[in-house]
Every structure is written in structure tokens, then in C-alpha cells.
Amino acid sequence: MDHPLIQQIERTGFPEHFQERESNYPVEDIFGDEIMSNDIYFVMKDGSVVLEQNLAEYAVQYLNASEKQAEA
């Protein structure tokens, strides 16, 4: 089961007041995707950098989450 906050972030984006703007940011995330100006990324406790669009993949691969989809 997805965490409600993750579901909200997927629907509406990460709340702006939680975002920090950085001028010196990483070149790419843990999956090798380039981080461009204005991209939103997360730095995990272990130092891993994950782009917003890769959060679900990170959860499945590194946090042993199961991806589910509700029936229509």
C-alpha cells in the first residue's frame, strides 16, 4: 500500500514550501538521470539522490515497496 503522502505528491507535486532551491546541485540521480535546472530531487538519509519522477522506482528497488494499482 502506498503511503498517503507519496500518493499526494504523485497527484499534486511536492509542496513548494518544503522545497529548497540550490545553485550547486548534483549532476545526476541514482538512476543516472541528469538533474537539470528547476528539477526537484530528494537526498535520502544514505546520501542517494533521486529525481522526483524516479521516487516510485526508488521505493520499489531500494525500500522493497510493492507497486499496486486500484481497480477502476
C-alpha atoms as a PDB file:
ATOM      1  CA  MET A   1       0.000   0.000   0.000  1.00  0.00           C
ATOM      2  CA  ASP A   2       1.349   3.408  -0.981  1.00  0.00           C
ATOM      3  CA  HIS A   3       1.955   5.932   1.738  1.00  0.00           C
ATOM      4  CA  PRO A   4      -0.692   8.715   1.574  1.00  0.00           C
ATOM      5  CA  LEU A   5       1.976  11.426   1.346  1.00  0.00           C
ATOM      6  CA  ILE A   6       3.581   9.717  -1.665  1.00  0.00           C
ATOM      7  CA  GLN A   7       0.153   9.454  -3.325  1.00  0.00           C
ATOM      8  CA  GLN A   8      -0.439  13.163  -2.701  1.00  0.00           C
ATOM      9  CA  ILE A   9       2.987  14.087  -4.071  1.00  0.00           C
ATOM     10  CA  GLU A  10       2.342  11.996  -7.196  1.00  0.00           C
ATOM     11  CA  ARG A  11      -1.016  13.775  -7.735  1.00  0.00           C
ATOM     12  CA  THR A  12      -0.117  17.365  -6.880  1.00  0.00           C
ATOM     13  CA  GLY A  13       3.673  17.646  -6.667  1.00  0.00           C
ATOM     14  CA  PHE A  14       5.826  18.315  -3.639  1.00  0.00           C
ATOM     15  CA  PRO A  15       4.603  21.354  -1.659  1.00  0.00           C
ATOM     16  CA  GLU A  16       6.646  24.417  -2.613  1.00  0.00           C
ATOM     17  CA  HIS A  17       7.230  25.487   0.987  1.00  0.00           C
ATOM     18  CA  PHE A  18       9.195  22.240   1.528  1.00  0.00           C
ATOM     19  CA  GLN A  19      11.419  22.803  -1.474  1.00  0.00           C
ATOM     20  CA  GLU A  20      14.896  24.259  -1.170  1.00  0.00           C
ATOM     21  CA  ARG A  21      16.487  25.963  -4.163  1.00  0.00           C
ATOM     22  CA  GLU A  22      20.148  25.145  -4.678  1.00  0.00           C
ATOM     23  CA  SER A  23      22.597  26.666  -7.129  1.00  0.00           C
ATOM     24  CA  ASN A  24      25.139  23.857  -6.766  1.00  0.00           C
ATOM     25  CA  TYR A  25      23.248  20.611  -7.282  1.00  0.00           C
ATOM     26  CA  PRO A  26      24.221  17.027  -8.260  1.00  0.00           C
ATOM     27  CA  VAL A  27      24.722  16.192 -11.932  1.00  0.00           C
ATOM     28  CA  GLU A  28      22.585  13.029 -11.934  1.00  0.00           C
ATOM     29  CA  ASP A  29      20.456  10.877  -9.664  1.00  0.00           C
ATOM     30  CA  ILE A  30      20.967   7.280  -8.512  1.00  0.00           C
ATOM     31  CA  PHE A  31      19.413   6.001 -11.761  1.00  0.00           C
ATOM     32  CA  GLY A  32      21.740   8.053 -13.970  1.00  0.00           C
ATOM     33  CA  ASP A  33      19.115  10.623 -14.995  1.00  0.00           C
ATOM     34  CA  GLU A  34      20.542  14.107 -15.472  1.00  0.00           C
ATOM     35  CA  ILE A  35      19.405  16.736 -12.984  1.00  0.00           C
ATOM     36  CA  MET A  36      18.526  19.915 -14.819  1.00  0.00           C
ATOM     37  CA  SER A  37      17.835  23.441 -13.584  1.00  0.00           C
ATOM     38  CA  ASN A  38      14.489  23.605 -11.712  1.00  0.00           C
ATOM     39  CA  ASP A  39      14.242  19.787 -11.337  1.00  0.00           C
ATOM     40  CA  ILE A  40      13.024  18.574  -7.975  1.00  0.00           C
ATOM     41  CA  TYR A  41      15.193  15.915  -6.355  1.00  0.00           C
ATOM     42  CA  PHE A  42      15.477  14.286  -2.964  1.00  0.00           C
ATOM     43  CA  VAL A  43      18.578  13.449  -0.938  1.00  0.00           C
ATOM     44  CA  MET A  44      17.957  10.298   1.083  1.00  0.00           C
ATOM     45  CA  LYS A  45      19.465   9.632   4.532  1.00  0.00           C
ATOM     46  CA  ASP A  46      22.140   7.418   2.948  1.00  0.00           C
ATOM     47  CA  GLY A  47      23.097  10.249   0.567  1.00  0.00           C
ATOM     48  CA  SER A  48      21.377   8.804  -2.504  1.00  0.00           C
ATOM     49  CA  VAL A  49      19.973  11.447  -4.833  1.00  0.00           C
ATOM     50  CA  VAL A  50      16.629  10.666  -6.507  1.00  0.00           C
ATOM     51  CA  LEU A  51      14.729  12.786  -9.004  1.00  0.00           C
ATOM     52  CA  GLU A  52      11.058  13.339  -8.218  1.00  0.00           C
ATOM     53  CA  GLN A  53       9.921  11.267 -11.218  1.00  0.00           C
ATOM     54  CA  ASN A  54      12.035   8.328 -10.003  1.00  0.00           C
ATOM     55  CA  LEU A  55      10.624   8.142  -6.454  1.00  0.00           C
ATOM     56  CA  ALA A  56       8.342   5.184  -7.226  1.00  0.00           C
ATOM     57  CA  GLU A  57      11.200   3.228  -8.826  1.00  0.00           C
ATOM     58  CA  TYR A  58      13.432   4.040  -5.844  1.00  0.00           C
ATOM     59  CA  ALA A  59      10.734   2.834  -3.418  1.00  0.00           C
ATOM     60  CA  VAL A  60      10.383  -0.482  -5.269  1.00  0.00           C
ATOM     61  CA  GLN A  61      14.112  -1.138  -5.791  1.00  0.00           C
ATOM     62  CA  TYR A  62      15.588   0.174  -2.551  1.00  0.00           C
ATOM     63  CA  LEU A  63      12.776   0.153   0.014  1.00  0.00           C
ATOM     64  CA  ASN A  64      11.183  -3.161  -1.054  1.00  0.00           C
ATOM     65  CA  ALA A  65       7.853  -1.429  -1.729  1.00  0.00           C
ATOM     66  CA  SER A  66       5.226  -3.161  -3.853  1.00  0.00           C
ATOM     67  CA  GLU A  67       3.655  -1.100  -6.606  1.00  0.00           C
ATOM     68  CA  LYS A  68      -0.130  -1.506  -6.705  1.00  0.00           C
ATOM     69  CA  GLN A  69      -2.952  -0.060  -8.749  1.00  0.00           C
ATOM     70  CA  ALA A  70      -6.542   0.215  -7.587  1.00  0.00           C
ATOM     71  CA  GLU A  71      -9.213  -1.281  -9.813  1.00  0.00           C
ATOM     72  CA  ALA A  72     -11.457   1.108 -11.686  1.00  0.00           C
END
